[in-house]
Amino acid sequence: MEQLKHDIANVTKQRMSISKALEKKKKLLANAHNQIDQLRAGMAMKRAEMGIDLIDQMTPEEKLQEEIGQLNEEFSQQENNIEAHSAEVQGQESFISKCQGYFSSLKIERDELQETRKKL
């Protein structure tokens, strides 16, 4: 019995120690995430600065070509979105059609059961 109490005390101490270590690790992880977010924000700012500098140095034709490229990319993305939505709509239409067929068969079955009931 005494050994059991001793073992429980040891396990409790280990558990508290592990819990404290876990809290420290969580804080370190949160700090690392914050640093990553700060670095990403800094990278985004640097990219934006570089883009502005490069755009300022472009000729009007190069600026136009850049805009055309961006519009083409946006157009391609929109086409992909349309295709994805079209596939989704087709799937929903198929589901609706199946449901309507099921509903019709249930109506027929209901009518048959009502006729059978009337005959009884």
Foldseek 3Di string as FASTA:
>chain_A
DVVVVVVVVVVVVVVVVVVVVVVVVVVVVVVVVVVVVVVVVVVVVVVVVVVVVVCVPDDPVVVVVVVVVVVVVVVVVVVVVVVVVVVVVVVVVVVVVVVVVVVVVVVVVVVVVVVVVVVD
